[in-house]
Structure formats: structure tokens, C-alpha cells
């Protein structure tokens, strides 16, 4: 009789999964540990958007909607900046075409997120569909690393679902708070504008590219002169077209001269390694 614990049994035993695949194919406890790891990764981002979520929830109520419209919008639209714009557009009874174009232009950047997001790690048609829907700026920032290419499906979905639940909960809390805040308190609709203003300032500090903010300001002014009602749509279209033209012209110039080109298409600063951030870029 052959001992089942002998060398022959060891040779015939299947290879055990290791690393991320072990969590993906192992016991449910391993899957939940990976989900918990993803939630821990995204927790700081959840805390960071609490003021914005509260402001959006209050804004929904003060715009004239019932408080529950806030969490419903947060759950099914799930695009922070677009949610602020959407409430204003709906309240102003904007045409559906304008809403659709605005949504497409505001979220167009997500098409580029998909190029490096580790969607290949998310197996299953349903999970892939949710992961694509829940691909926010925060989720992309947390997964745009070489290590994320080896993360398990559970960890990636833990990041996205954790942020999704946190955002919806914060907006719901803001909606409930908004029911007791007096109507004379105004300015909450400026929250998203303030957010992007801060992000633009921080981006300028890193890049120091003056043509980009100047170009954006010029597009906004021209769009306002053309049509104040459709300023956002016209301004975004002009700015996008200007960036495309700038990129094409800058690339052609670089191919002729070999000089570095900044994001706005102009020649970059030359210099040695001691020029800091610009030289390293």
C-alpha cells in the first residue's frame, strides 16, 4: 500500500496559488481581507471629500429638490463635478442636448484613465462594468502605480466601492443637514469652483506653465461674450480645441528643432540639471 503522504502525493499535488491570485481564488476570508485592504487605501480620499459631499447635499436641498435626490444622484451619476453642474442645469431646465454635451466634455478625461487603469485585473463582466462606472479621479490616482497592475480584483473593487459608499453617505448626510439650514445661507454652489481653483493653483505650482491658465481664461471670457447661457459648453469646446491645436503645432515644432515643448505647445525652458523641477520634467 502506498502512503498517501509520501513523495508521490507531493508530486501529484496541484500548485497552490500565490500572491494576489491566492486572494482571488482562495477562501472568502482572503477575499474580504483584500477588500479591507482596498478600503484602507481609499479611506484618506473619503475623508478628504467630506466637505464637498456635505456641500453638495445641502445644495440639492437649497436648489429646491428633496434631500434624497442628493444620494440618488451621487449613487447613479457618481461624478462629483458633474453632479454639481447637473443640479444647476436641471434647476435651470437646460435642454437635454446641453446636459449631454456638458457631461461628455466634463468627463472626457475618463477615456484616458482607462488606458492605464488595471481593469485587466477585474475579472467578470459584471465586475468590469461596475469598475468602469466607478472609475473616478480618486480611484485612478490610487491605482495609477506599477504595483496596482498586480492587485487583486477584490482590492481594486474595495477601493472603488469604498469611495462610492463614502461619497453617497456624505451626500446623504449633507442633504439631511440641508433641511435644517436656513435658505438665506448662500454660496454652497461655489464649493466645486473653489475646489478646482485650488487644484489649478497647485497644478500651476508644479508645472509653472503660464500659457495654460491664460488660455483657459481667454476661452472663458470669449464664451461669456458669445452666450452667457451656454458659456460652459462653449468655453470647454474652445479650450479643448485650442489644446489639440497647441499639441499638434508643438509636436511639429519639436520634431523640426528638437526643443522641448510645454503642455501649451510653446518651447520649454532649456537648462541644466540644476534647474529643478523643469529640468527633471
Protein backbone atom coordinates (compact mmCIF):
# COMPACT_ATOMS: atom_id res chain seq x y z
CA UNK A 1 0.00 0.00 0.00
CA UNK A 2 1.31 3.41 -0.94
CA UNK A 3 1.46 6.09 1.74
CA UNK A 4 -0.69 9.00 0.55
CA UNK A 5 1.56 11.41 2.40
CA UNK A 6 4.72 10.25 0.69
CA UNK A 7 6.74 11.84 -2.10
CA UNK A 8 4.36 10.57 -4.79
CA UNK A 9 1.47 12.53 -3.28
CA UNK A 10 3.61 15.66 -3.18
CA UNK A 11 4.48 15.32 -6.86
CA UNK A 12 0.83 14.86 -7.89
CA UNK A 13 -0.48 17.74 -5.76
CA UNK A 14 -1.62 20.80 -7.74
CA UNK A 15 0.33 24.02 -7.40
CA UNK A 16 -1.11 26.38 -4.82
CA UNK A 17 -1.93 29.91 -5.95
CA UNK A 18 0.33 32.61 -4.63
CA UNK A 19 0.20 36.38 -4.16
CA UNK A 20 -2.80 38.27 -5.46
CA UNK A 21 -4.17 35.22 -7.26
CA UNK A 22 -4.35 33.38 -3.95
CA UNK A 23 -6.68 36.03 -2.64
CA UNK A 24 -8.74 36.00 -5.83
CA UNK A 25 -9.25 32.21 -5.84
CA UNK A 26 -8.92 31.40 -2.13
CA UNK A 27 -11.36 31.29 0.73
CA UNK A 28 -13.89 34.08 1.26
CA UNK A 29 -11.84 35.29 4.22
CA UNK A 30 -8.94 36.09 1.90
CA UNK A 31 -11.22 38.00 -0.45
CA UNK A 32 -12.62 40.11 2.39
CA UNK A 33 -9.10 40.84 3.62
CA UNK A 34 -8.30 42.21 0.17
CA UNK A 35 -11.49 44.28 0.18
CA UNK A 36 -10.50 45.65 3.57
CA UNK A 37 -7.04 46.48 2.24
CA UNK A 38 -8.63 48.45 -0.60
CA UNK A 39 -10.87 50.34 1.81
CA UNK A 40 -7.86 51.27 3.94
CA UNK A 41 -6.12 52.61 0.84
CA UNK A 42 -9.06 54.81 -0.15
CA UNK A 43 -10.03 55.96 3.36
CA UNK A 44 -7.95 59.20 3.27
CA UNK A 45 -9.63 60.16 -0.01
CA UNK A 46 -13.05 59.52 1.56
CA UNK A 47 -12.17 61.84 4.43
CA UNK A 48 -10.89 64.46 2.01
CA UNK A 49 -14.18 64.76 0.10
CA UNK A 50 -16.41 65.03 3.17
CA UNK A 51 -16.71 68.85 2.93
CA UNK A 52 -17.53 68.63 -0.77
CA UNK A 53 -20.12 65.90 -0.25
CA UNK A 54 -21.80 67.79 2.57
CA UNK A 55 -21.87 70.94 0.45
CA UNK A 56 -23.45 69.07 -2.45
CA UNK A 57 -26.12 67.53 -0.24
CA UNK A 58 -27.04 70.92 1.19
CA UNK A 59 -27.02 72.48 -2.29
CA UNK A 60 -29.52 69.90 -3.55
CA UNK A 61 -31.98 70.86 -0.82
CA UNK A 62 -31.48 74.60 -1.27
CA UNK A 63 -31.98 74.27 -5.02
CA UNK A 64 -35.50 73.03 -4.34
CA UNK A 65 -35.14 69.25 -4.53
CA UNK A 66 -36.00 66.77 -1.79
CA UNK A 67 -32.98 65.71 0.28
CA UNK A 68 -32.97 62.17 -1.10
CA UNK A 69 -32.21 63.41 -4.61
CA UNK A 70 -28.66 64.06 -3.41
CA UNK A 71 -27.71 60.46 -2.54
CA UNK A 72 -29.63 59.15 -5.57
CA UNK A 73 -27.61 61.43 -7.85
CA UNK A 74 -24.40 60.52 -6.05
CA UNK A 75 -25.13 56.81 -6.42
CA UNK A 76 -26.12 56.72 -10.08
CA UNK A 77 -24.17 59.63 -11.58
CA UNK A 78 -21.11 59.35 -9.31
CA UNK A 79 -19.08 62.13 -10.88
CA UNK A 80 -18.55 64.88 -8.31
CA UNK A 81 -18.02 67.91 -10.53
CA UNK A 82 -20.72 66.81 -12.96
CA UNK A 83 -23.19 66.33 -10.12
CA UNK A 84 -22.84 69.98 -9.10
CA UNK A 85 -23.32 71.07 -12.71
CA UNK A 86 -26.20 68.66 -13.26
CA UNK A 87 -28.25 70.02 -10.37
CA UNK A 88 -27.84 73.55 -11.69
CA UNK A 89 -28.67 72.55 -15.27
CA UNK A 90 -31.79 70.65 -14.21
CA UNK A 91 -32.93 73.50 -11.99
CA UNK A 92 -32.48 75.88 -14.93
CA UNK A 93 -34.43 73.47 -17.20
CA UNK A 94 -31.50 73.30 -19.61
CA UNK A 95 -32.05 71.40 -22.88
CA UNK A 96 -31.13 67.71 -22.82
CA UNK A 97 -28.61 68.29 -25.61
CA UNK A 98 -26.74 70.84 -23.49
CA UNK A 99 -26.75 68.50 -20.50
CA UNK A 100 -25.44 65.62 -22.62
CA UNK A 101 -22.66 67.66 -24.23
CA UNK A 102 -21.64 69.16 -20.89
CA UNK A 103 -21.49 65.72 -19.28
CA UNK A 104 -19.41 64.33 -22.14
CA UNK A 105 -16.91 67.18 -22.06
CA UNK A 106 -16.57 67.30 -18.27
CA UNK A 107 -15.94 63.56 -18.04
CA UNK A 108 -13.97 63.15 -21.27
CA UNK A 109 -10.76 62.73 -19.28
CA UNK A 110 -12.02 59.34 -18.09
CA UNK A 111 -11.41 57.95 -21.57
CA UNK A 112 -7.69 58.43 -20.96
CA UNK A 113 -7.86 56.97 -17.45
CA UNK A 114 -8.87 53.64 -18.97
CA UNK A 115 -5.53 53.41 -20.80
CA UNK A 116 -3.57 52.73 -17.60
CA UNK A 117 -6.25 51.65 -15.11
CA UNK A 118 -5.69 47.94 -14.20
CA UNK A 119 -9.07 46.81 -15.50
CA UNK A 120 -7.50 43.55 -16.67
CA UNK A 121 -7.28 42.52 -13.00
CA UNK A 122 -11.05 42.83 -12.61
CA UNK A 123 -12.49 39.60 -13.97
CA UNK A 124 -16.17 39.02 -14.68
CA UNK A 125 -18.41 41.08 -16.96
CA UNK A 126 -20.49 42.47 -14.12
CA UNK A 127 -17.47 43.46 -12.02
CA UNK A 128 -15.80 45.04 -15.06
CA UNK A 129 -18.94 47.06 -15.77
CA UNK A 130 -19.07 48.38 -12.20
CA UNK A 131 -15.33 49.09 -12.14
CA UNK A 132 -15.67 51.10 -15.35
CA UNK A 133 -18.62 53.05 -13.92
CA UNK A 134 -16.81 53.70 -10.62
CA UNK A 135 -13.57 54.93 -12.24
CA UNK A 136 -13.28 58.32 -10.53
CA UNK A 137 -10.35 60.71 -10.26
CA UNK A 138 -9.57 59.36 -6.79
CA UNK A 139 -9.70 55.71 -7.87
CA UNK A 140 -7.44 56.44 -10.83
CA UNK A 141 -4.93 58.33 -8.70
CA UNK A 142 -4.71 55.45 -6.22
CA UNK A 143 -4.32 52.77 -8.90
CA UNK A 144 -2.01 54.62 -11.31
CA UNK A 145 1.06 52.89 -9.88
CA UNK A 146 3.15 49.95 -11.10
CA UNK A 147 2.14 47.93 -8.03
CA UNK A 148 -1.56 48.21 -8.92
CA UNK A 149 -1.00 46.07 -12.01
CA UNK A 150 -0.70 43.09 -9.66
CA UNK A 151 -3.52 43.94 -7.26
CA UNK A 152 -6.42 41.55 -6.92
CA UNK A 153 -9.93 42.20 -8.15
CA UNK A 154 -11.15 42.38 -4.57
CA UNK A 155 -8.66 45.10 -3.61
CA UNK A 156 -9.39 47.25 -6.67
CA UNK A 157 -13.14 46.93 -6.18
CA UNK A 158 -12.67 47.62 -2.46
CA UNK A 159 -11.08 50.95 -3.36
CA UNK A 160 -13.83 51.89 -5.79
CA UNK A 161 -16.80 50.62 -3.78
CA UNK A 162 -15.41 52.09 -0.56
CA UNK A 163 -15.17 55.54 -2.12
CA UNK A 164 -18.60 55.12 -3.73
CA UNK A 165 -20.28 54.26 -0.43
CA UNK A 166 -18.41 57.04 1.38
CA UNK A 167 -19.44 59.64 -1.18
CA UNK A 168 -23.11 58.62 -1.18
CA UNK A 169 -23.20 58.58 2.62
CA UNK A 170 -21.61 62.01 2.89
CA UNK A 171 -24.03 63.49 0.36
CA UNK A 172 -26.98 61.93 2.22
CA UNK A 173 -25.75 63.48 5.46
CA UNK A 174 -25.45 66.83 3.72
CA UNK A 175 -28.99 66.54 2.40
CA UNK A 176 -30.37 65.86 5.87
CA UNK A 177 -28.37 68.75 7.30
CA UNK A 178 -29.62 70.96 4.49
CA UNK A 179 -33.21 70.54 5.62
CA UNK A 180 -32.45 72.50 8.80
CA UNK A 181 -30.09 75.12 7.34
CA UNK A 182 -31.81 78.47 6.64
CA UNK A 183 -32.33 79.41 3.00
CA UNK A 184 -30.53 82.72 3.44
CA UNK A 185 -27.18 80.92 3.70
CA UNK A 186 -25.78 81.06 0.17
CA UNK A 187 -22.55 80.24 -1.65
CA UNK A 188 -22.61 76.44 -1.32
CA UNK A 189 -22.76 76.09 -5.10
CA UNK A 190 -19.30 77.70 -5.17
CA UNK A 191 -17.75 74.67 -3.46
CA UNK A 192 -16.84 72.84 -6.65
CA UNK A 193 -15.49 76.05 -8.21
CA UNK A 194 -13.31 76.61 -5.15
CA UNK A 195 -12.11 73.00 -5.35
CA UNK A 196 -11.00 73.27 -8.97
CA UNK A 197 -9.46 76.68 -8.32
CA UNK A 198 -7.25 75.16 -5.62
CA UNK A 199 -6.38 72.21 -7.89
CA UNK A 200 -5.47 74.60 -10.70
CA UNK A 201 -3.22 76.64 -8.39
CA UNK A 202 -1.48 73.50 -7.12
CA UNK A 203 -1.02 72.22 -10.68
CA UNK A 204 0.48 75.57 -11.68
CA UNK A 205 2.92 75.41 -8.76
CA UNK A 206 4.19 72.07 -10.04
CA UNK A 207 4.25 72.81 -13.77
CA UNK A 208 4.72 76.61 -13.83
CA UNK A 209 3.12 76.73 -17.28
CA UNK A 210 1.57 80.19 -17.60
CA UNK A 211 0.05 79.78 -21.11
CA UNK A 212 -2.45 77.14 -19.94
CA UNK A 213 -4.35 79.21 -17.32
CA UNK A 214 -4.19 82.27 -19.58
CA UNK A 215 -5.62 80.24 -22.46
CA UNK A 216 -8.40 78.90 -20.22
CA UNK A 217 -9.26 82.42 -19.04
CA UNK A 218 -9.38 83.73 -22.60
CA UNK A 219 -11.71 80.90 -23.66
CA UNK A 220 -14.00 81.62 -20.70
CA UNK A 221 -14.18 85.35 -21.49
CA UNK A 222 -14.88 84.77 -25.18
CA UNK A 223 -17.51 82.15 -24.36
CA UNK A 224 -19.24 84.55 -21.96
CA UNK A 225 -19.30 87.25 -24.64
CA UNK A 226 -20.79 84.82 -27.17
CA UNK A 227 -23.50 83.39 -24.93
CA UNK A 228 -23.74 83.67 -21.16
CA UNK A 229 -26.36 80.91 -21.04
CA UNK A 230 -24.07 78.44 -22.84
CA UNK A 231 -20.76 79.75 -21.54
CA UNK A 232 -19.59 76.46 -20.03
CA UNK A 233 -20.22 74.35 -23.11
CA UNK A 234 -18.70 76.90 -25.50
CA UNK A 235 -15.71 77.57 -23.25
CA UNK A 236 -14.91 73.88 -22.79
CA UNK A 237 -15.19 73.27 -26.54
CA UNK A 238 -12.89 76.19 -27.32
CA UNK A 239 -10.34 75.18 -24.69
CA UNK A 240 -10.30 71.56 -25.87
CA UNK A 241 -9.86 72.62 -29.49
CA UNK A 242 -7.10 75.03 -28.51
CA UNK A 243 -5.25 72.29 -26.61
CA UNK A 244 -5.46 69.93 -29.59
CA UNK A 245 -4.14 72.59 -31.99
CA UNK A 246 -1.44 73.56 -29.49
CA UNK A 247 -0.33 69.95 -29.14
CA UNK A 248 -0.17 69.39 -32.91
CA UNK A 249 1.76 72.62 -33.51
CA UNK A 250 4.10 71.97 -30.59
CA UNK A 251 4.80 68.42 -31.72
CA UNK A 252 5.60 69.61 -35.24
CA UNK A 253 7.91 72.29 -33.87
CA UNK A 254 9.67 69.81 -31.62
CA UNK A 255 10.20 67.38 -34.49
CA UNK A 256 11.87 70.16 -36.51
CA UNK A 257 14.04 71.69 -33.82
CA UNK A 258 14.34 69.03 -31.14
CA UNK A 259 13.46 71.64 -28.49
CA UNK A 260 11.28 70.63 -25.51
CA UNK A 261 7.66 71.75 -25.70
CA UNK A 262 5.41 72.53 -22.76
CA UNK A 263 1.77 71.48 -22.40
CA UNK A 264 0.53 74.62 -24.15
CA UNK A 265 2.68 74.00 -27.20
CA UNK A 266 5.31 76.65 -26.52
CA UNK A 267 9.03 75.96 -26.29
CA UNK A 268 10.10 74.81 -22.86
CA UNK A 269 12.91 76.33 -20.86
CA UNK A 270 16.33 74.99 -21.54
CA UNK A 271 18.77 74.44 -18.78
CA UNK A 272 20.99 72.05 -16.91
CA UNK A 273 20.16 69.68 -14.10
CA UNK A 274 20.33 72.48 -11.56
CA UNK A 275 17.06 73.97 -12.83
CA UNK A 276 14.99 71.78 -10.54
CA UNK A 277 11.54 70.56 -11.48
CA UNK A 278 11.53 71.97 -15.03
CA UNK A 279 14.81 70.28 -15.88
CA UNK A 280 13.72 66.93 -14.47
CA UNK A 281 10.42 67.07 -16.40
